């Protein structure tokens, strides 16, 4: 379990960091950068889910919330 934890930690951390970065850019009103960061975050979440680091439903929920937030910021 320790070996799995050490293997999974960087992937989980990278996914969380990329989502946080995307949210920060969405709130900062920089639409091009926010869209690029959101795409990157979705990619990291998919990779983490594919490798079993996070549950696929968890990844889907996070992606959904992020894209919803991005769409809301575009419409304003």
PDB file of N, CA and C in Angstrom:
ATOM      1  N   UNK A   1       0.826  -1.195   0.000  1.00  0.00           N
ATOM      2  CA  UNK A   1       0.000   0.000   0.000  1.00  0.00           C
ATOM      3  C   UNK A   1       0.872   1.260   0.000  1.00  0.00           C
ATOM      4  N   UNK A   2       1.992   1.195   0.656  1.00  0.00           N
ATOM      5  CA  UNK A   2       2.907   2.342   0.664  1.00  0.00           C
ATOM      6  C   UNK A   2       3.438   2.610  -0.743  1.00  0.00           C
ATOM      7  N   UNK A   3       3.747   1.554  -1.453  1.00  0.00           N
ATOM      8  CA  UNK A   3       4.250   1.689  -2.819  1.00  0.00           C
ATOM      9  C   UNK A   3       3.182   2.324  -3.721  1.00  0.00           C
ATOM     10  N   UNK A   4       1.936   1.890  -3.559  1.00  0.00           N
ATOM     11  CA  UNK A   4       0.838   2.457  -4.346  1.00  0.00           C
ATOM     12  C   UNK A   4       0.614   3.919  -3.989  1.00  0.00           C
ATOM     13  N   UNK A   5       0.707   4.240  -2.704  1.00  0.00           N
ATOM     14  CA  UNK A   5       0.516   5.621  -2.259  1.00  0.00           C
ATOM     15  C   UNK A   5       1.557   6.532  -2.903  1.00  0.00           C
ATOM     16  N   UNK A   6       2.819   6.072  -2.908  1.00  0.00           N
ATOM     17  CA  UNK A   6       3.888   6.879  -3.495  1.00  0.00           C
ATOM     18  C   UNK A   6       3.733   7.026  -5.008  1.00  0.00           C
ATOM     19  N   UNK A   7       3.174   6.015  -5.650  1.00  0.00           N
ATOM     20  CA  UNK A   7       2.959   6.088  -7.091  1.00  0.00           C
ATOM     21  C   UNK A   7       1.773   7.000  -7.421  1.00  0.00           C
ATOM     22  N   UNK A   8       0.735   6.971  -6.595  1.00  0.00           N
ATOM     23  CA  UNK A   8      -0.489   7.727  -6.865  1.00  0.00           C
ATOM     24  C   UNK A   8      -0.420   9.192  -6.457  1.00  0.00           C
ATOM     25  N   UNK A   9       0.349   9.513  -5.433  1.00  0.00           N
ATOM     26  CA  UNK A   9       0.369  10.866  -4.877  1.00  0.00           C
ATOM     27  C   UNK A   9       0.684  11.948  -5.912  1.00  0.00           C
ATOM     28  N   UNK A  10       1.717  11.790  -6.744  1.00  0.00           N
ATOM     29  CA  UNK A  10       2.009  12.858  -7.717  1.00  0.00           C
ATOM     30  C   UNK A  10       0.882  13.050  -8.740  1.00  0.00           C
ATOM     31  N   UNK A  11       0.241  11.968  -9.142  1.00  0.00           N
ATOM     32  CA  UNK A  11      -0.855  12.078 -10.113  1.00  0.00           C
ATOM     33  C   UNK A  11      -2.051  12.802  -9.510  1.00  0.00           C
ATOM     34  N   UNK A  12      -2.372  12.455  -8.273  1.00  0.00           N
ATOM     35  CA  UNK A  12      -3.491  13.106  -7.578  1.00  0.00           C
ATOM     36  C   UNK A  12      -3.181  14.583  -7.368  1.00  0.00           C
ATOM     37  N   UNK A  13      -1.963  14.875  -6.961  1.00  0.00           N
ATOM     38  CA  UNK A  13      -1.544  16.244  -6.717  1.00  0.00           C
ATOM     39  C   UNK A  13      -1.596  17.073  -7.995  1.00  0.00           C
ATOM     40  N   UNK A  14      -1.115  16.512  -9.095  1.00  0.00           N
ATOM     41  CA  UNK A  14      -1.109  17.235 -10.369  1.00  0.00           C
ATOM     42  C   UNK A  14      -2.532  17.533 -10.835  1.00  0.00           C
ATOM     43  N   UNK A  15      -3.430  16.588 -10.639  1.00  0.00           N
ATOM     44  CA  UNK A  15      -4.827  16.799 -11.026  1.00  0.00           C
ATOM     45  C   UNK A  15      -5.439  17.930 -10.195  1.00  0.00           C
ATOM     46  N   UNK A  16      -5.213  17.910  -8.893  1.00  0.00           N
ATOM     47  CA  UNK A  16      -5.752  18.944  -8.005  1.00  0.00           C
ATOM     48  C   UNK A  16      -5.177  20.312  -8.359  1.00  0.00           C
ATOM     49  N   UNK A  17      -3.874  20.369  -8.596  1.00  0.00           N
ATOM     50  CA  UNK A  17      -3.205  21.621  -8.917  1.00  0.00           C
ATOM     51  C   UNK A  17      -3.726  22.205 -10.216  1.00  0.00           C
ATOM     52  N   UNK A  18      -3.916  21.353 -11.220  1.00  0.00           N
ATOM     53  CA  UNK A  18      -4.382  21.845 -12.518  1.00  0.00           C
ATOM     54  C   UNK A  18      -5.816  22.360 -12.428  1.00  0.00           C
ATOM     55  N   UNK A  19      -6.655  21.721 -11.623  1.00  0.00           N
ATOM     56  CA  UNK A  19      -8.028  22.192 -11.436  1.00  0.00           C
ATOM     57  C   UNK A  19      -8.016  23.539 -10.713  1.00  0.00           C
ATOM     58  N   UNK A  20      -7.184  23.663  -9.695  1.00  0.00           N
ATOM     59  CA  UNK A  20      -7.089  24.919  -8.950  1.00  0.00           C
ATOM     60  C   UNK A  20      -6.597  26.048  -9.846  1.00  0.00           C
ATOM     61  N   UNK A  21      -5.631  25.755 -10.698  1.00  0.00           N
ATOM     62  CA  UNK A  21      -5.101  26.765 -11.618  1.00  0.00           C
ATOM     63  C   UNK A  21      -6.194  27.213 -12.589  1.00  0.00           C
ATOM     64  N   UNK A  22      -6.952  26.267 -13.110  1.00  0.00           N
ATOM     65  CA  UNK A  22      -8.029  26.597 -14.046  1.00  0.00           C
ATOM     66  C   UNK A  22      -9.079  27.464 -13.357  1.00  0.00           C
ATOM     67  N   UNK A  23      -9.455  27.106 -12.146  1.00  0.00           N
ATOM     68  CA  UNK A  23     -10.444  27.902 -11.407  1.00  0.00           C
ATOM     69  C   UNK A  23      -9.946  29.320 -11.152  1.00  0.00           C
ATOM     70  N   UNK A  24      -8.672  29.428 -10.811  1.00  0.00           N
ATOM     71  CA  UNK A  24      -8.080  30.743 -10.552  1.00  0.00           C
ATOM     72  C   UNK A  24      -8.143  31.605 -11.818  1.00  0.00           C
ATOM     73  N   UNK A  25      -7.837  31.026 -12.965  1.00  0.00           N
ATOM     74  CA  UNK A  25      -7.864  31.770 -14.219  1.00  0.00           C
ATOM     75  C   UNK A  25      -9.290  32.109 -14.644  1.00  0.00           C
ATOM     76  N   UNK A  26     -10.237  31.235 -14.360  1.00  0.00           N
ATOM     77  CA  UNK A  26     -11.638  31.516 -14.675  1.00  0.00           C
ATOM     78  C   UNK A  26     -12.102  32.722 -13.875  1.00  0.00           C
ATOM     79  N   UNK A  27     -11.751  32.761 -12.611  1.00  0.00           N
ATOM     80  CA  UNK A  27     -12.146  33.880 -11.748  1.00  0.00           C
ATOM     81  C   UNK A  27     -11.402  35.169 -12.077  1.00  0.00           C
ATOM     82  N   UNK A  28     -10.246  35.049 -12.720  1.00  0.00           N
ATOM     83  CA  UNK A  28      -9.443  36.222 -13.065  1.00  0.00           C
ATOM     84  C   UNK A  28      -9.883  36.863 -14.384  1.00  0.00           C
ATOM     85  N   UNK A  29     -10.902  36.321 -15.009  1.00  0.00           N
ATOM     86  CA  UNK A  29     -11.424  36.853 -16.272  1.00  0.00           C
ATOM     87  C   UNK A  29     -10.382  36.898 -17.386  1.00  0.00           C
ATOM     88  N   UNK A  30      -9.672  35.816 -17.572  1.00  0.00           N
ATOM     89  CA  UNK A  30      -8.795  35.687 -18.744  1.00  0.00           C
ATOM     90  C   UNK A  30      -9.268  34.459 -19.519  1.00  0.00           C
ATOM     91  N   UNK A  31     -10.237  34.635 -20.420  1.00  0.00           N
ATOM     92  CA  UNK A  31     -10.936  33.508 -21.041  1.00  0.00           C
ATOM     93  C   UNK A  31     -10.050  32.558 -21.854  1.00  0.00           C
ATOM     94  N   UNK A  32      -9.076  33.081 -22.593  1.00  0.00           N
ATOM     95  CA  UNK A  32      -8.227  32.195 -23.405  1.00  0.00           C
ATOM     96  C   UNK A  32      -7.371  31.308 -22.513  1.00  0.00           C
ATOM     97  N   UNK A  33      -6.757  31.928 -21.515  1.00  0.00           N
ATOM     98  CA  UNK A  33      -5.914  31.165 -20.583  1.00  0.00           C
ATOM     99  C   UNK A  33      -6.748  30.181 -19.773  1.00  0.00           C
ATOM    100  N   UNK A  34      -7.940  30.611 -19.384  1.00  0.00           N
ATOM    101  CA  UNK A  34      -8.820  29.751 -18.586  1.00  0.00           C
ATOM    102  C   UNK A  34      -9.244  28.528 -19.381  1.00  0.00           C
ATOM    103  N   UNK A  35      -9.555  28.725 -20.646  1.00  0.00           N
ATOM    104  CA  UNK A  35      -9.981  27.599 -21.479  1.00  0.00           C
ATOM    105  C   UNK A  35      -8.846  26.593 -21.673  1.00  0.00           C
ATOM    106  N   UNK A  36      -7.650  27.109 -21.883  1.00  0.00           N
ATOM    107  CA  UNK A  36      -6.480  26.243 -22.044  1.00  0.00           C
ATOM    108  C   UNK A  36      -6.207  25.460 -20.753  1.00  0.00           C
ATOM    109  N   UNK A  37      -6.283  26.144 -19.623  1.00  0.00           N
ATOM    110  CA  UNK A  37      -6.040  25.504 -18.331  1.00  0.00           C
ATOM    111  C   UNK A  37      -7.122  24.471 -18.020  1.00  0.00           C
ATOM    112  N   UNK A  38      -8.365  24.755 -18.394  1.00  0.00           N
ATOM    113  CA  UNK A  38      -9.461  23.813 -18.153  1.00  0.00           C
ATOM    114  C   UNK A  38      -9.259  22.539 -18.975  1.00  0.00           C
ATOM    115  N   UNK A  39      -8.824  22.705 -20.219  1.00  0.00           N
ATOM    116  CA  UNK A  39      -8.551  21.546 -21.077  1.00  0.00           C
ATOM    117  C   UNK A  39      -7.432  20.691 -20.485  1.00  0.00           C
ATOM    118  N   UNK A  40      -6.418  21.361 -19.974  1.00  0.00           N
ATOM    119  CA  UNK A  40      -5.297  20.661 -19.343  1.00  0.00           C
ATOM    120  C   UNK A  40      -5.761  19.923 -18.086  1.00  0.00           C
ATOM    121  N   UNK A  41      -6.609  20.565 -17.300  1.00  0.00           N
ATOM    122  CA  UNK A  41      -7.117  19.958 -16.074  1.00  0.00           C
ATOM    123  C   UNK A  41      -7.950  18.720 -16.391  1.00  0.00           C
ATOM    124  N   UNK A  42      -8.772  18.806 -17.425  1.00  0.00           N
ATOM    125  CA  UNK A  42      -9.592  17.661 -17.834  1.00  0.00           C
ATOM    126  C   UNK A  42      -8.688  16.498 -18.225  1.00  0.00           C
ATOM    127  N   UNK A  43      -7.612  16.805 -18.923  1.00  0.00           N
ATOM    128  CA  UNK A  43      -6.666  15.772 -19.329  1.00  0.00           C
ATOM    129  C   UNK A  43      -6.027  15.086 -18.118  1.00  0.00           C
ATOM    130  N   UNK A  44      -5.600  15.881 -17.133  1.00  0.00           N
ATOM    131  CA  UNK A  44      -4.991  15.308 -15.932  1.00  0.00           C
ATOM    132  C   UNK A  44      -5.998  14.469 -15.143  1.00  0.00           C
ATOM    133  N   UNK A  45      -7.235  14.941 -15.068  1.00  0.00           N
ATOM    134  CA  UNK A  45      -8.268  14.177 -14.355  1.00  0.00           C
ATOM    135  C   UNK A  45      -8.538  12.853 -15.058  1.00  0.00           C
ATOM    136  N   UNK A  46      -8.596  12.875 -16.397  1.00  0.00           N
ATOM    137  CA  UNK A  46      -8.812  11.643 -17.158  1.00  0.00           C
ATOM    138  C   UNK A  46      -7.677  10.652 -16.939  1.00  0.00           C
ATOM    139  N   UNK A  47      -6.448  11.151 -16.946  1.00  0.00           N
ATOM    140  CA  UNK A  47      -5.295  10.273 -16.732  1.00  0.00           C
ATOM    141  C   UNK A  47      -5.330   9.648 -15.344  1.00  0.00           C
ATOM    142  N   UNK A  48      -5.651  10.467 -14.339  1.00  0.00           N
ATOM    143  CA  UNK A  48      -5.713   9.959 -12.968  1.00  0.00           C
ATOM    144  C   UNK A  48      -6.811   8.903 -12.835  1.00  0.00           C
ATOM    145  N   UNK A  49      -7.950   9.134 -13.470  1.00  0.00           N
ATOM    146  CA  UNK A  49      -9.054   8.178 -13.403  1.00  0.00           C
ATOM    147  C   UNK A  49      -8.693   6.895 -14.147  1.00  0.00           C
ATOM    148  N   UNK A  50      -8.039   7.035 -15.277  1.00  0.00           N
ATOM    149  CA  UNK A  50      -7.664   5.865 -16.074  1.00  0.00           C
ATOM    150  C   UNK A  50      -6.699   4.962 -15.312  1.00  0.00           C
ATOM    151  N   UNK A  51      -5.815   5.573 -14.541  1.00  0.00           N
ATOM    152  CA  UNK A  51      -4.837   4.795 -13.785  1.00  0.00           C
ATOM    153  C   UNK A  51      -5.372   4.322 -12.440  1.00  0.00           C
ATOM    154  N   UNK A  52      -6.599   4.712 -12.118  1.00  0.00           N
ATOM    155  CA  UNK A  52      -7.210   4.256 -10.880  1.00  0.00           C
ATOM    156  C   UNK A  52      -6.820   5.070  -9.666  1.00  0.00           C
ATOM    157  N   UNK A  53      -6.214   6.228  -9.874  1.00  0.00           N
ATOM    158  CA  UNK A  53      -5.789   7.072  -8.761  1.00  0.00           C
ATOM    159  C   UNK A  53      -7.005   7.712  -8.103  1.00  0.00           C
ATOM    160  N   UNK A  54      -7.944   8.169  -8.936  1.00  0.00           N
ATOM    161  CA  UNK A  54      -9.225   8.660  -8.430  1.00  0.00           C
ATOM    162  C   UNK A  54     -10.328   7.892  -9.152  1.00  0.00           C
ATOM    163  N   UNK A  55     -11.490   7.842  -8.557  1.00  0.00           N
ATOM    164  CA  UNK A  55     -12.614   7.128  -9.149  1.00  0.00           C
ATOM    165  C   UNK A  55     -13.095   7.869 -10.388  1.00  0.00           C
ATOM    166  N   UNK A  56     -13.571   7.122 -11.383  1.00  0.00           N
ATOM    167  CA  UNK A  56     -13.986   7.767 -12.636  1.00  0.00           C
ATOM    168  C   UNK A  56     -15.163   8.710 -12.424  1.00  0.00           C
ATOM    169  N   UNK A  57     -16.031   8.397 -11.479  1.00  0.00           N
ATOM    170  CA  UNK A  57     -17.154   9.285 -11.163  1.00  0.00           C
ATOM    171  C   UNK A  57     -16.675  10.579 -10.530  1.00  0.00           C
ATOM    172  N   UNK A  58     -15.646  10.468  -9.702  1.00  0.00           N
ATOM    173  CA  UNK A  58     -15.047  11.638  -9.072  1.00  0.00           C
ATOM    174  C   UNK A  58     -14.454  12.548 -10.156  1.00  0.00           C
ATOM    175  N   UNK A  59     -13.747  11.961 -11.105  1.00  0.00           N
ATOM    176  CA  UNK A  59     -13.158  12.735 -12.194  1.00  0.00           C
ATOM    177  C   UNK A  59     -14.255  13.391 -13.026  1.00  0.00           C
ATOM    178  N   UNK A  60     -15.302  12.654 -13.317  1.00  0.00           N
ATOM    179  CA  UNK A  60     -16.407  13.194 -14.120  1.00  0.00           C
ATOM    180  C   UNK A  60     -17.082  14.358 -13.407  1.00  0.00           C
ATOM    181  N   UNK A  61     -17.277  14.232 -12.108  1.00  0.00           N
ATOM    182  CA  UNK A  61     -17.903  15.300 -11.323  1.00  0.00           C
ATOM    183  C   UNK A  61     -17.042  16.557 -11.333  1.00  0.00           C
ATOM    184  N   UNK A  62     -15.751  16.389 -11.128  1.00  0.00           N
ATOM    185  CA  UNK A  62     -14.846  17.541 -11.126  1.00  0.00           C
ATOM    186  C   UNK A  62     -14.798  18.220 -12.489  1.00  0.00           C
ATOM    187  N   UNK A  63     -14.757  17.406 -13.562  1.00  0.00           N
ATOM    188  CA  UNK A  63     -14.747  17.972 -14.914  1.00  0.00           C
ATOM    189  C   UNK A  63     -16.040  18.733 -15.175  1.00  0.00           C
ATOM    190  N   UNK A  64     -17.154  18.157 -14.781  1.00  0.00           N
ATOM    191  CA  UNK A  64     -18.455  18.789 -14.997  1.00  0.00           C
ATOM    192  C   UNK A  64     -18.534  20.135 -14.291  1.00  0.00           C
ATOM    193  N   UNK A  65     -18.121  20.175 -13.045  1.00  0.00           N
ATOM    194  CA  UNK A  65     -18.170  21.418 -12.274  1.00  0.00           C
ATOM    195  C   UNK A  65     -17.250  22.478 -12.871  1.00  0.00           C
ATOM    196  N   UNK A  66     -16.087  22.037 -13.313  1.00  0.00           N
ATOM    197  CA  UNK A  66     -15.125  22.970 -13.891  1.00  0.00           C
ATOM    198  C   UNK A  66     -15.653  23.557 -15.201  1.00  0.00           C
ATOM    199  N   UNK A  67     -16.195  22.721 -16.065  1.00  0.00           N
ATOM    200  CA  UNK A  67     -16.703  23.188 -17.350  1.00  0.00           C
ATOM    201  C   UNK A  67     -17.939  24.069 -17.175  1.00  0.00           C
ATOM    202  N   UNK A  68     -18.733  23.761 -16.170  1.00  0.00           N
ATOM    203  CA  UNK A  68     -19.905  24.581 -15.868  1.00  0.00           C
ATOM    204  C   UNK A  68     -19.463  25.976 -15.430  1.00  0.00           C
ATOM    205  N   UNK A  69     -18.443  26.021 -14.594  1.00  0.00           N
ATOM    206  CA  UNK A  69     -17.905  27.293 -14.125  1.00  0.00           C
ATOM    207  C   UNK A  69     -17.315  28.088 -15.293  1.00  0.00           C
ATOM    208  N   UNK A  70     -16.639  27.405 -16.202  1.00  0.00           N
ATOM    209  CA  UNK A  70     -16.055  28.053 -17.370  1.00  0.00           C
ATOM    210  C   UNK A  70     -17.157  28.621 -18.268  1.00  0.00           C
ATOM    211  N   UNK A  71     -18.209  27.866 -18.489  1.00  0.00           N
ATOM    212  CA  UNK A  71     -19.325  28.332 -19.320  1.00  0.00           C
ATOM    213  C   UNK A  71     -20.004  29.544 -18.708  1.00  0.00           C
ATOM    214  N   UNK A  72     -20.169  29.514 -17.388  1.00  0.00           N
ATOM    215  CA  UNK A  72     -20.780  30.647 -16.693  1.00  0.00           C
ATOM    216  C   UNK A  72     -19.946  31.917 -16.853  1.00  0.00           C
ATOM    217  N   UNK A  73     -18.629  31.767 -16.793  1.00  0.00           N
ATOM    218  CA  UNK A  73     -17.761  32.945 -16.908  1.00  0.00           C
ATOM    219  C   UNK A  73     -17.767  33.489 -18.335  1.00  0.00           C
ATOM    220  N   UNK A  74     -17.953  32.644 -19.320  1.00  0.00           N
ATOM    221  CA  UNK A  74     -18.001  33.084 -20.725  1.00  0.00           C
ATOM    222  C   UNK A  74     -19.260  33.895 -20.986  1.00  0.00           C
ATOM    223  N   UNK A  75     -20.381  33.505 -20.372  1.00  0.00           N
ATOM    224  CA  UNK A  75     -21.650  34.156 -20.651  1.00  0.00           C
ATOM    225  C   UNK A  75     -21.773  35.531 -20.007  1.00  0.00           C
ATOM    226  N   UNK A  76     -20.898  35.834 -19.070  1.00  0.00           N
ATOM    227  CA  UNK A  76     -20.992  37.130 -18.387  1.00  0.00           C
ATOM    228  C   UNK A  76     -20.339  38.235 -19.158  1.00  0.00           C
TER     229      UNK A  76
END
